Amino acid sequence: MAEIKYEIVETVGVLSENAKGWSKEVNLISWNGRDAKYDIRDWAPDHEKMGKGLTLTTEEMVKLRDVLNQLNL
């Protein structure tokens, strides 16, 4: 399996943390040297391990924001 290279360009925010110290984060990440995209996923405390996540372009992030703003929370 090919190694996945990533660089966390900006930490946008931490959404939650579990008992094992992993945190669900929103970050701006460059995957394999490509342009950075928004990313939501679980990370180990040292950012060496990660869980499955969701990667969004800026346009998708704007649409997600608009959808969330319509919710009655």
N, C-alpha and C. Protein backbone atom coordinates (compact mmCIF):
# COMPACT_ATOMS: atom_id res chain seq x y z
N MET A 1 0.84 -1.18 0.00
CA MET A 1 0.00 0.00 0.00
C MET A 1 0.89 1.25 0.00
N ALA A 2 0.54 2.20 -0.84
CA ALA A 2 1.31 3.43 -0.95
C ALA A 2 1.15 4.28 0.31
N GLU A 3 2.22 4.95 0.68
CA GLU A 3 2.19 5.82 1.85
C GLU A 3 1.42 7.09 1.52
N ILE A 4 0.55 7.49 2.43
CA ILE A 4 -0.21 8.72 2.27
C ILE A 4 0.54 9.83 2.98
N LYS A 5 0.86 10.88 2.25
CA LYS A 5 1.55 12.02 2.83
C LYS A 5 0.55 13.14 3.05
N TYR A 6 0.68 13.80 4.18
CA TYR A 6 -0.24 14.89 4.49
C TYR A 6 0.48 15.97 5.29
N GLU A 7 -0.03 17.18 5.15
CA GLU A 7 0.46 18.31 5.93
C GLU A 7 -0.74 19.08 6.44
N ILE A 8 -0.85 19.20 7.76
CA ILE A 8 -1.91 20.01 8.34
C ILE A 8 -1.49 21.47 8.19
N VAL A 9 -2.15 22.17 7.27
CA VAL A 9 -1.81 23.55 6.96
C VAL A 9 -2.38 24.49 8.02
N GLU A 10 -3.60 24.17 8.49
CA GLU A 10 -4.25 25.01 9.51
C GLU A 10 -5.21 24.16 10.32
N THR A 11 -5.16 24.29 11.63
CA THR A 11 -6.15 23.67 12.50
C THR A 11 -7.29 24.65 12.66
N VAL A 12 -8.46 24.28 12.14
CA VAL A 12 -9.63 25.16 12.20
C VAL A 12 -10.29 25.06 13.56
N GLY A 13 -10.44 23.82 14.07
CA GLY A 13 -11.06 23.65 15.38
C GLY A 13 -11.19 22.19 15.78
N VAL A 14 -11.34 21.97 17.08
CA VAL A 14 -11.56 20.64 17.64
C VAL A 14 -13.03 20.54 18.01
N LEU A 15 -13.71 19.51 17.50
CA LEU A 15 -15.14 19.33 17.77
C LEU A 15 -15.41 18.54 19.03
N SER A 16 -14.56 17.54 19.31
CA SER A 16 -14.74 16.71 20.51
C SER A 16 -13.47 15.91 20.76
N GLU A 17 -13.40 15.31 21.95
CA GLU A 17 -12.28 14.45 22.31
C GLU A 17 -12.85 13.25 23.06
N ASN A 18 -12.31 12.04 22.75
CA ASN A 18 -12.81 10.85 23.44
C ASN A 18 -11.91 10.47 24.61
N ALA A 19 -12.28 9.42 25.33
CA ALA A 19 -11.56 9.00 26.54
C ALA A 19 -10.13 8.54 26.23
N LYS A 20 -9.87 8.09 25.00
CA LYS A 20 -8.53 7.63 24.63
C LYS A 20 -7.63 8.77 24.16
N GLY A 21 -8.15 10.00 24.16
CA GLY A 21 -7.35 11.14 23.77
C GLY A 21 -7.46 11.52 22.30
N TRP A 22 -8.17 10.73 21.51
CA TRP A 22 -8.37 11.06 20.10
C TRP A 22 -9.33 12.23 20.00
N SER A 23 -9.12 13.10 19.03
CA SER A 23 -10.00 14.25 18.87
C SER A 23 -10.56 14.32 17.45
N LYS A 24 -11.82 14.73 17.35
CA LYS A 24 -12.45 14.96 16.06
C LYS A 24 -12.16 16.41 15.70
N GLU A 25 -11.47 16.62 14.59
CA GLU A 25 -10.98 17.95 14.24
C GLU A 25 -11.41 18.38 12.85
N VAL A 26 -11.50 19.67 12.68
CA VAL A 26 -11.67 20.28 11.36
C VAL A 26 -10.33 20.96 11.04
N ASN A 27 -9.70 20.52 9.97
CA ASN A 27 -8.39 21.04 9.58
C ASN A 27 -8.36 21.36 8.10
N LEU A 28 -7.42 22.18 7.71
CA LEU A 28 -7.11 22.42 6.31
C LEU A 28 -5.86 21.58 6.03
N ILE A 29 -5.98 20.58 5.15
CA ILE A 29 -4.91 19.60 4.96
C ILE A 29 -4.54 19.48 3.48
N SER A 30 -3.24 19.42 3.23
CA SER A 30 -2.73 19.11 1.90
C SER A 30 -2.42 17.62 1.88
N TRP A 31 -3.10 16.88 0.99
CA TRP A 31 -2.89 15.44 0.86
C TRP A 31 -1.99 15.18 -0.35
N ASN A 32 -0.88 14.48 -0.12
CA ASN A 32 0.05 14.08 -1.19
C ASN A 32 0.50 15.27 -2.04
N GLY A 33 0.74 16.41 -1.39
CA GLY A 33 1.28 17.57 -2.08
C GLY A 33 0.26 18.37 -2.89
N ARG A 34 -1.01 17.99 -2.82
CA ARG A 34 -2.04 18.71 -3.57
C ARG A 34 -2.50 19.94 -2.80
N ASP A 35 -3.35 20.74 -3.46
CA ASP A 35 -3.93 21.91 -2.79
C ASP A 35 -4.67 21.47 -1.53
N ALA A 36 -4.59 22.29 -0.51
CA ALA A 36 -5.23 21.97 0.77
C ALA A 36 -6.75 22.00 0.64
N LYS A 37 -7.40 21.08 1.37
CA LYS A 37 -8.86 21.00 1.44
C LYS A 37 -9.25 20.89 2.90
N TYR A 38 -10.51 21.21 3.18
CA TYR A 38 -11.03 21.07 4.54
C TYR A 38 -11.25 19.60 4.82
N ASP A 39 -10.99 19.20 6.05
CA ASP A 39 -11.02 17.80 6.41
C ASP A 39 -11.60 17.65 7.82
N ILE A 40 -12.52 16.72 7.97
CA ILE A 40 -13.11 16.41 9.28
C ILE A 40 -12.85 14.94 9.56
N ARG A 41 -12.09 14.67 10.64
CA ARG A 41 -11.79 13.28 10.99
C ARG A 41 -11.24 13.19 12.41
N ASP A 42 -11.15 11.95 12.92
CA ASP A 42 -10.56 11.68 14.23
C ASP A 42 -9.05 11.56 14.08
N TRP A 43 -8.34 12.13 15.05
CA TRP A 43 -6.87 12.09 15.08
C TRP A 43 -6.37 11.61 16.43
N ALA A 44 -5.30 10.81 16.41
CA ALA A 44 -4.60 10.45 17.63
C ALA A 44 -3.93 11.71 18.18
N PRO A 45 -3.60 11.73 19.47
CA PRO A 45 -3.01 12.94 20.07
C PRO A 45 -1.77 13.46 19.34
N ASP A 46 -0.97 12.59 18.76
CA ASP A 46 0.27 13.01 18.10
C ASP A 46 0.09 13.25 16.59
N HIS A 47 -1.13 13.11 16.10
CA HIS A 47 -1.46 13.24 14.67
C HIS A 47 -0.71 12.24 13.80
N GLU A 48 -0.22 11.15 14.38
CA GLU A 48 0.45 10.11 13.60
C GLU A 48 -0.55 9.09 13.06
N LYS A 49 -1.69 8.94 13.72
CA LYS A 49 -2.74 8.02 13.28
C LYS A 49 -4.02 8.81 13.09
N MET A 50 -4.85 8.32 12.16
CA MET A 50 -6.11 9.00 11.88
C MET A 50 -7.20 7.99 11.60
N GLY A 51 -8.43 8.41 11.82
CA GLY A 51 -9.58 7.60 11.47
C GLY A 51 -10.10 8.01 10.11
N LYS A 52 -11.17 7.35 9.70
CA LYS A 52 -11.80 7.72 8.44
C LYS A 52 -12.40 9.11 8.58
N GLY A 53 -12.44 9.82 7.47
CA GLY A 53 -12.93 11.18 7.54
C GLY A 53 -13.59 11.63 6.27
N LEU A 54 -13.82 12.91 6.21
CA LEU A 54 -14.50 13.55 5.10
C LEU A 54 -13.67 14.74 4.66
N THR A 55 -13.39 14.82 3.36
CA THR A 55 -12.61 15.92 2.81
C THR A 55 -13.52 16.76 1.91
N LEU A 56 -13.49 18.08 2.11
CA LEU A 56 -14.37 18.98 1.38
C LEU A 56 -13.59 20.11 0.73
N THR A 57 -14.02 20.49 -0.48
CA THR A 57 -13.45 21.68 -1.12
C THR A 57 -14.01 22.91 -0.39
N THR A 58 -13.46 24.07 -0.70
CA THR A 58 -13.98 25.31 -0.11
C THR A 58 -15.44 25.50 -0.50
N GLU A 59 -15.78 25.22 -1.74
CA GLU A 59 -17.16 25.37 -2.19
C GLU A 59 -18.10 24.44 -1.43
N GLU A 60 -17.68 23.20 -1.21
CA GLU A 60 -18.50 22.25 -0.45
C GLU A 60 -18.63 22.70 1.00
N MET A 61 -17.57 23.26 1.56
CA MET A 61 -17.62 23.75 2.94
C MET A 61 -18.61 24.90 3.06
N VAL A 62 -18.65 25.78 2.08
CA VAL A 62 -19.60 26.90 2.09
C VAL A 62 -21.03 26.36 2.03
N LYS A 63 -21.27 25.37 1.17
CA LYS A 63 -22.62 24.78 1.09
C LYS A 63 -22.99 24.08 2.39
N LEU A 64 -22.02 23.38 3.00
CA LEU A 64 -22.28 22.73 4.29
C LEU A 64 -22.65 23.77 5.33
N ARG A 65 -21.92 24.87 5.38
CA ARG A 65 -22.24 25.95 6.31
C ARG A 65 -23.66 26.45 6.11
N ASP A 66 -24.05 26.64 4.84
CA ASP A 66 -25.38 27.14 4.54
C ASP A 66 -26.45 26.13 4.99
N VAL A 67 -26.22 24.84 4.76
CA VAL A 67 -27.15 23.80 5.19
C VAL A 67 -27.27 23.79 6.71
N LEU A 68 -26.14 23.86 7.41
CA LEU A 68 -26.16 23.84 8.88
C LEU A 68 -26.85 25.08 9.44
N ASN A 69 -26.69 26.22 8.77
CA ASN A 69 -27.35 27.44 9.23
C ASN A 69 -28.87 27.36 9.12
N GLN A 70 -29.37 26.48 8.27
CA GLN A 70 -30.81 26.31 8.12
C GLN A 70 -31.41 25.41 9.20
N LEU A 71 -30.59 24.68 9.91
CA LEU A 71 -31.08 23.79 10.96
C LEU A 71 -31.54 24.59 12.17
N ASN A 72 -32.58 24.10 12.80
CA ASN A 72 -33.08 24.73 14.01
C ASN A 72 -32.49 24.01 15.23
N LEU A 73 -31.27 24.38 15.58
CA LEU A 73 -30.58 23.70 16.70
C LEU A 73 -30.74 24.47 17.99
